[in-house]
Protein backbone atom coordinates (compact mmCIF):
# COMPACT_ATOMS: atom_id res chain seq x y z
CA UNK A 1 -0.26 -0.26 -0.13
CA UNK A 2 1.48 3.72 -0.37
CA UNK A 3 2.65 5.47 2.47
CA UNK A 4 0.77 9.60 1.81
CA UNK A 5 -2.63 8.83 3.26
CA UNK A 6 -3.36 11.83 1.21
CA UNK A 7 -3.03 10.17 -2.25
CA UNK A 8 -5.53 7.61 -3.08
CA UNK A 9 -4.91 3.85 -1.48
CA UNK A 10 -2.39 1.33 -4.26
CA UNK A 11 -1.51 -2.28 -4.18
CA UNK A 12 1.27 -3.60 -6.05
CA UNK A 13 1.21 -6.75 -7.75
CA UNK A 14 4.29 -7.32 -9.91
CA UNK A 15 5.53 -10.20 -7.33
CA UNK A 16 1.88 -11.67 -8.34
CA UNK A 17 3.42 -15.33 -10.01
CA UNK A 18 -0.15 -16.61 -11.08
CA UNK A 19 -3.53 -15.36 -11.23
CA UNK A 20 -7.72 -17.12 -12.05
CA UNK A 21 -10.71 -15.84 -12.73
CA UNK A 22 -11.56 -15.56 -8.60
CA UNK A 23 -8.07 -14.20 -8.14
CA UNK A 24 -8.93 -11.60 -10.90
CA UNK A 25 -12.70 -10.83 -9.56
CA UNK A 26 -11.21 -10.27 -6.01
CA UNK A 27 -8.96 -7.63 -7.58
CA UNK A 28 -11.69 -5.89 -9.85
CA UNK A 29 -13.77 -4.94 -6.58
CA UNK A 30 -10.59 -3.68 -5.29
CA UNK A 31 -10.16 -1.49 -8.11
CA UNK A 32 -14.19 -1.00 -7.62
CA UNK A 33 -13.36 0.12 -4.45
CA UNK A 34 -10.51 2.98 -5.25
CA UNK A 35 -7.75 1.02 -4.84
CA UNK A 36 -4.80 1.62 -7.81
CA UNK A 37 -3.27 -1.96 -8.72
CA UNK A 38 0.43 -1.36 -9.57
CA UNK A 39 2.70 -3.97 -11.08
CA UNK A 40 0.73 -5.43 -13.51
CA UNK A 41 1.86 -8.07 -15.77
CA UNK A 42 0.85 -8.97 -19.06
CA UNK A 43 -0.04 -11.99 -18.89
CA UNK A 44 -2.47 -10.45 -16.53
CA UNK A 45 -3.48 -7.64 -17.87
CA UNK A 46 -5.56 -9.42 -20.60
CA UNK A 47 -7.65 -11.06 -17.95
CA UNK A 48 -8.09 -7.95 -15.68
CA UNK A 49 -9.45 -6.45 -18.61
CA UNK A 50 -11.83 -9.05 -20.00
CA UNK A 51 -12.87 -9.52 -15.61
CA UNK A 52 -13.38 -5.63 -14.99
CA UNK A 53 -15.33 -4.83 -18.19
CA UNK A 54 -17.76 -7.90 -17.22
CA UNK A 55 -21.45 -5.89 -16.77
CA UNK A 56 -21.59 -8.24 -13.06
CA UNK A 57 -25.03 -8.33 -11.23
CA UNK A 58 -26.68 -9.65 -8.01
CA UNK A 59 -27.97 -13.06 -8.39
CA UNK A 60 -31.34 -12.77 -8.48
CA UNK A 61 -33.55 -13.90 -4.86
CA UNK A 62 -35.13 -16.63 -5.54
CA UNK A 63 -38.98 -16.19 -4.28
CA UNK A 64 -40.20 -18.11 -1.91
CA UNK A 65 -43.43 -20.58 -2.64
CA UNK A 66 -45.55 -20.45 -0.08
CA UNK A 67 -45.99 -23.95 2.11
CA UNK A 68 -49.52 -24.57 0.90
CA UNK A 69 -48.64 -24.48 -2.50
CA UNK A 70 -46.16 -26.92 -1.81
CA UNK A 71 -47.85 -29.87 0.24
CA UNK A 72 -50.84 -28.85 -3.30
CA UNK A 73 -46.80 -29.73 -5.57
CA UNK A 74 -45.47 -32.31 -3.72
CA UNK A 75 -49.55 -34.40 -3.56
CA UNK A 76 -49.73 -33.23 -7.34
CA UNK A 77 -46.55 -34.86 -7.94
CA UNK A 78 -46.41 -38.25 -6.26
CA UNK A 79 -50.62 -38.65 -7.91
CA UNK A 80 -48.21 -38.00 -11.91
CA UNK A 81 -45.19 -40.27 -10.15
CA UNK A 82 -47.49 -42.98 -8.68
CA UNK A 83 -49.64 -42.96 -11.82
CA UNK A 84 -46.25 -44.30 -14.19
CA UNK A 85 -45.43 -46.46 -11.70
CA UNK A 86 -49.11 -48.13 -11.99
CA UNK A 87 -48.01 -48.48 -15.80
CA UNK A 88 -44.97 -49.61 -15.97
CA UNK A 89 -45.47 -52.31 -13.48
CA UNK A 90 -49.22 -54.00 -15.41
CA UNK A 91 -46.89 -53.38 -18.64
CA UNK A 92 -43.96 -55.68 -16.91
CA UNK A 93 -46.36 -57.55 -15.97
CA UNK A 94 -47.80 -58.11 -19.88
CA UNK A 95 -44.30 -59.06 -20.95
CA UNK A 96 -43.35 -61.97 -17.78
CA UNK A 97 -46.36 -63.29 -18.24
CA UNK A 98 -46.32 -63.49 -21.79
CA UNK A 99 -42.39 -65.23 -21.96
CA UNK A 100 -43.09 -67.74 -19.02
CA UNK A 101 -46.31 -68.52 -21.28
CA UNK A 102 -43.79 -68.92 -23.97
CA UNK A 103 -40.95 -70.76 -21.90
CA UNK A 104 -43.49 -73.12 -20.41
CA UNK A 105 -44.70 -74.35 -23.70
CA UNK A 106 -41.18 -74.53 -25.04
CA UNK A 107 -39.60 -76.36 -21.72
CA UNK A 108 -36.40 -76.26 -24.62
CA UNK A 109 -36.85 -72.71 -23.39
CA UNK A 110 -36.60 -73.79 -19.54
CA UNK A 111 -32.89 -72.92 -17.99
CA UNK A 112 -33.40 -76.28 -15.48
CA UNK A 113 -29.94 -74.58 -14.48
CA UNK A 114 -30.43 -71.08 -13.19
CA UNK A 115 -34.21 -72.48 -11.92
CA UNK A 116 -32.42 -75.04 -9.56
CA UNK A 117 -29.85 -72.22 -8.80
CA UNK A 118 -32.33 -70.14 -7.25
CA UNK A 119 -34.56 -72.52 -5.70
CA UNK A 120 -31.55 -73.52 -3.87
CA UNK A 121 -31.12 -69.67 -3.26
CA UNK A 122 -34.33 -68.46 -2.15
CA UNK A 123 -35.07 -71.71 -0.59
CA UNK A 124 -33.62 -74.26 0.86
CA UNK A 125 -31.12 -70.89 1.54
CA UNK A 126 -33.70 -68.73 3.79
CA UNK A 127 -34.89 -72.45 5.39
CA UNK A 128 -33.53 -71.60 8.86
CA UNK A 129 -34.43 -68.26 9.33
CA UNK A 130 -38.61 -68.47 8.51
CA UNK A 131 -38.18 -71.25 10.99
CA UNK A 132 -37.15 -68.99 13.42
CA UNK A 133 -39.58 -66.55 12.68
CA UNK A 134 -42.49 -68.86 12.37
CA UNK A 135 -41.90 -69.89 15.89
CA UNK A 136 -41.17 -66.50 17.10
CA UNK A 137 -45.01 -65.57 15.57
CA UNK A 138 -46.51 -68.01 17.34
CA UNK A 139 -45.14 -67.44 20.44
CA UNK A 140 -46.09 -64.13 20.12
CA UNK A 141 -49.86 -65.06 19.28
CA UNK A 142 -50.30 -67.39 21.54
CA UNK A 143 -48.80 -64.96 25.05
CA UNK A 144 -51.17 -62.22 22.98
CA UNK A 145 -53.94 -64.56 22.97
CA UNK A 146 -53.45 -65.43 26.79
CA UNK A 147 -53.77 -62.79 27.65
CA UNK A 148 -56.58 -61.21 26.59
CA UNK A 149 -58.53 -63.98 26.68
CA UNK A 150 -57.54 -65.10 30.72
CA UNK A 151 -59.44 -62.13 32.13
CA UNK A 152 -62.55 -63.22 30.29
CA UNK A 153 -62.12 -67.40 31.42
CA UNK A 154 -60.98 -68.25 27.40
CA UNK A 155 -57.64 -68.90 26.66
CA UNK A 156 -57.66 -72.80 25.42
CA UNK A 157 -59.42 -71.17 22.67
CA UNK A 158 -55.65 -69.37 22.04
CA UNK A 159 -54.86 -72.79 20.55
CA UNK A 160 -57.42 -71.70 17.82
CA UNK A 161 -56.41 -68.14 17.82
CA UNK A 162 -52.62 -69.11 17.18
CA UNK A 163 -54.10 -71.95 14.85
CA UNK A 164 -56.16 -70.19 12.43
CA UNK A 165 -53.69 -67.31 12.66
CA UNK A 166 -51.41 -69.52 11.22
CA UNK A 167 -52.60 -71.43 8.84
CA UNK A 168 -54.66 -68.56 6.39
CA UNK A 169 -52.68 -65.66 7.16
CA UNK A 170 -49.56 -65.33 9.58
CA UNK A 171 -47.34 -68.00 7.76
CA UNK A 172 -48.09 -67.45 4.20
CA UNK A 173 -47.34 -62.83 5.23
CA UNK A 174 -44.67 -63.19 7.24
CA UNK A 175 -42.76 -66.04 4.98
CA UNK A 176 -43.28 -63.64 1.56
CA UNK A 177 -42.20 -60.21 3.36
CA UNK A 178 -38.90 -62.52 4.47
CA UNK A 179 -38.73 -63.44 0.99
CA UNK A 180 -39.24 -60.05 -0.03
CA UNK A 181 -36.66 -58.04 1.44
CA UNK A 182 -33.93 -60.85 0.87
CA UNK A 183 -34.44 -62.74 -2.37
CA UNK A 184 -36.09 -59.42 -4.35
CA UNK A 185 -33.48 -57.49 -3.69
CA UNK A 186 -31.27 -59.73 -4.00
CA UNK A 187 -32.66 -60.19 -7.35
CA UNK A 188 -32.37 -56.29 -8.28
CA UNK A 189 -29.00 -55.96 -6.95
CA UNK A 190 -27.88 -58.76 -9.04
CA UNK A 191 -29.41 -57.57 -12.15
CA UNK A 192 -28.12 -53.93 -11.28
CA UNK A 193 -25.02 -55.47 -11.05
CA UNK A 194 -25.48 -56.38 -14.22
CA UNK A 195 -26.73 -53.29 -15.62
CA UNK A 196 -24.31 -50.99 -14.17
CA UNK A 197 -21.43 -53.64 -15.98
CA UNK A 198 -23.09 -53.25 -19.28
CA UNK A 199 -24.02 -57.09 -18.66
CA UNK A 200 -27.37 -57.21 -20.04
CA UNK A 201 -26.34 -54.34 -22.98
CA UNK A 202 -24.46 -57.23 -24.28
CA UNK A 203 -26.67 -60.10 -24.02
CA UNK A 204 -28.64 -57.92 -26.44
CA UNK A 205 -26.46 -57.50 -28.59
CA UNK A 206 -25.51 -61.89 -28.53
CA UNK A 207 -29.25 -61.59 -30.11
CA UNK A 208 -30.13 -62.98 -26.34
CA UNK A 209 -33.46 -62.03 -24.69
CA UNK A 210 -33.01 -60.53 -20.95
CA UNK A 211 -36.48 -61.15 -20.09
CA UNK A 212 -36.02 -64.78 -21.04
CA UNK A 213 -32.33 -65.19 -19.47
CA UNK A 214 -33.13 -63.35 -16.04
CA UNK A 215 -36.58 -62.80 -15.75
CA UNK A 216 -38.49 -65.54 -16.48
CA UNK A 217 -36.11 -68.31 -14.24
CA UNK A 218 -36.25 -65.63 -10.99
CA UNK A 219 -39.63 -65.96 -11.85
CA UNK A 220 -40.14 -69.57 -11.62
CA UNK A 221 -37.75 -70.05 -9.51
CA UNK A 222 -39.75 -68.38 -6.61
CA UNK A 223 -43.26 -68.98 -8.07
CA UNK A 224 -42.41 -72.67 -6.60
CA UNK A 225 -40.21 -71.72 -3.97
CA UNK A 226 -42.44 -69.45 -1.87
CA UNK A 227 -45.37 -72.29 -1.72
CA UNK A 228 -43.24 -74.75 -0.10
CA UNK A 229 -41.69 -72.55 2.16
CA UNK A 230 -45.35 -71.38 3.59
CA UNK A 231 -46.44 -74.88 4.36
CA UNK A 232 -42.55 -75.37 6.38
CA UNK A 233 -43.83 -72.36 8.06
CA UNK A 234 -47.04 -72.93 8.80
CA UNK A 235 -45.16 -76.36 10.59
CA UNK A 236 -43.38 -74.56 12.61
CA UNK A 237 -45.30 -71.82 13.93
CA UNK A 238 -47.97 -74.77 14.87
CA UNK A 239 -45.16 -76.11 16.85
CA UNK A 240 -44.67 -72.75 18.06
CA UNK A 241 -48.43 -72.83 19.34
CA UNK A 242 -47.96 -76.17 20.40
CA UNK A 243 -44.63 -74.70 22.91
CA UNK A 244 -46.44 -72.32 23.86
CA UNK A 245 -49.48 -74.23 24.51
CA UNK A 246 -47.79 -76.42 26.97
CA UNK A 247 -46.31 -74.33 28.05
CA UNK A 248 -48.72 -71.84 29.90
CA UNK A 249 -51.52 -73.59 28.82
CA UNK A 250 -50.41 -76.73 30.58
CA UNK A 251 -51.51 -79.04 27.39
CA UNK A 252 -49.54 -81.81 25.66
CA UNK A 253 -48.26 -81.94 22.51
CA UNK A 254 -50.53 -84.86 22.09
CA UNK A 255 -53.81 -83.44 23.25
CA UNK A 256 -52.74 -80.20 20.90
CA UNK A 257 -52.56 -82.77 18.14
CA UNK A 258 -55.83 -84.43 18.53
CA UNK A 259 -57.33 -80.91 19.21
CA UNK A 260 -55.94 -79.10 15.84
CA UNK A 261 -58.60 -81.42 13.50
CA UNK A 262 -61.61 -80.02 16.13
CA UNK A 263 -59.94 -76.72 15.56
CA UNK A 264 -58.76 -76.10 11.42
CA UNK A 265 -59.82 -77.84 8.09
CA UNK A 266 -58.39 -78.36 5.43
CA UNK A 267 -59.96 -74.49 4.07
CA UNK A 268 -57.25 -73.20 5.98
CA UNK A 269 -54.38 -74.24 4.82
CA UNK A 270 -55.67 -73.78 1.32
CA UNK A 271 -56.39 -69.94 1.94
CA UNK A 272 -51.73 -69.64 2.93
CA UNK A 273 -50.90 -72.07 0.03
CA UNK A 274 -53.35 -70.63 -2.40
CA UNK A 275 -52.10 -66.75 -1.42
CA UNK A 276 -48.51 -68.02 -1.04
CA UNK A 277 -47.12 -68.57 -5.57
CA UNK A 278 -49.21 -65.23 -5.90
CA UNK A 279 -46.96 -63.29 -3.95
CA UNK A 280 -44.14 -65.34 -5.82
CA UNK A 281 -45.11 -63.74 -9.30
CA UNK A 282 -45.62 -59.88 -7.93
CA UNK A 283 -41.89 -59.87 -5.48
CA UNK A 284 -40.28 -61.35 -8.75
CA UNK A 285 -41.52 -59.29 -11.18
CA UNK A 286 -41.00 -56.30 -8.85
CA UNK A 287 -37.91 -57.53 -8.02
CA UNK A 288 -36.02 -58.04 -11.49
CA UNK A 289 -38.35 -54.70 -12.72
CA UNK A 290 -36.17 -52.27 -10.41
CA UNK A 291 -32.98 -54.17 -11.46
CA UNK A 292 -33.35 -53.49 -14.63
CA UNK A 293 -33.97 -49.76 -13.75
CA UNK A 294 -30.86 -49.20 -12.81
CA UNK A 295 -28.78 -46.29 -14.64
CA UNK A 296 -25.04 -47.93 -14.01
CA UNK A 297 -24.01 -46.24 -10.90
CA UNK A 298 -23.83 -47.67 -7.62
CA UNK A 299 -26.17 -45.09 -5.87
CA UNK A 300 -28.93 -46.45 -8.59
CA UNK A 301 -27.99 -49.75 -7.66
CA UNK A 302 -29.39 -49.02 -3.35
CA UNK A 303 -31.74 -46.49 -4.57
CA UNK A 304 -33.90 -49.40 -6.55
CA UNK A 305 -33.10 -52.60 -4.28
CA UNK A 306 -34.67 -50.00 -1.81
CA UNK A 307 -37.83 -48.57 -3.91
CA UNK A 308 -37.84 -53.05 -5.36
CA UNK A 309 -38.23 -53.91 -1.04
CA UNK A 310 -40.39 -51.70 -0.38
CA UNK A 311 -42.65 -51.93 -3.20
CA UNK A 312 -42.87 -55.96 -3.04
CA UNK A 313 -43.94 -55.77 0.61
CA UNK A 314 -46.95 -52.95 0.19
CA UNK A 315 -48.56 -55.04 -2.94
CA UNK A 316 -47.91 -58.53 -1.11
CA UNK A 317 -50.23 -56.77 2.20
CA UNK A 318 -52.26 -54.68 -0.08
CA UNK A 319 -52.48 -58.37 -1.57
CA UNK A 320 -53.47 -60.11 0.80
CA UNK A 321 -55.59 -57.42 2.61
CA UNK A 322 -57.88 -58.59 -0.93
CA UNK A 323 -57.15 -62.00 -0.69
CA UNK A 324 -58.97 -61.80 3.66
CA UNK A 325 -61.84 -59.76 2.42
CA UNK A 326 -62.55 -61.95 -0.97
CA UNK A 327 -62.62 -65.35 1.12
CA UNK A 328 -64.44 -64.31 3.87
CA UNK A 329 -67.21 -62.82 1.33
CA UNK A 330 -67.04 -66.43 -0.27
CA UNK A 331 -67.25 -68.16 2.73
CA UNK A 332 -64.25 -69.81 3.06
């Protein structure tokens, strides 16, 4: 700076080695405030003249949107997205059903090795967690049933509550939710990683339809697996009901087994097993659809996997509610 206070302030920048755009903006700001710049190098002068010659204007303030309007916009955007999601889902279900029926009508097109592998991964490897969940579910139902019925002297009806709930609703529902979180997410992640590595595009280049190779084996495998897992969960749930009945009610396993035919019948088992393949189809369809939606980044894989699990569980619960009302109206 100049030592003479009566003269305008100055700044010697002769020792400045390099100058970039932010630095030029800063120096132009000093010049506008009356600071004289001295010792400007020739290679810096062109940039300074260019930056100082710009007509800089402050960024306009963004107009705030009222909260009520933001709420209405979010509702509209949500409805728009839900409409497109429903259309995409129905379209993909149609494509999947077409390719699956074509594969079943032409068995030579079935990839038995892939189906076998997916059956093992989605079924056999899931038996421990499904069994534990079914037993714990029966224990919870038994405890809550006894707690609610004992004041009225009807705790012996806990066996009815546990057996019917497990066979008709809870067995298939808990199994479907576990499979959606375990196998449905795996379908999305596997196909999504193939998308990021451009393996799906490579299949198309080779003339191989990804629906036939990636989707159909998973659909068939899960439709086979989920009813078997549901039946296993029903058995384990009844075992858990027998254990809790003996612990809380003093009912021996022999007495428990003798009472089961009086409590449940074939229609209760049929209802649960009937819903299982339908749940499996939708879980597999949603998982594969979101896997094929992956755009090519790791973030996209995680986002689509989350969406697939949430959508699968929502569809399972919605379908279960629909079937509960339907079977009640039909008297089954």
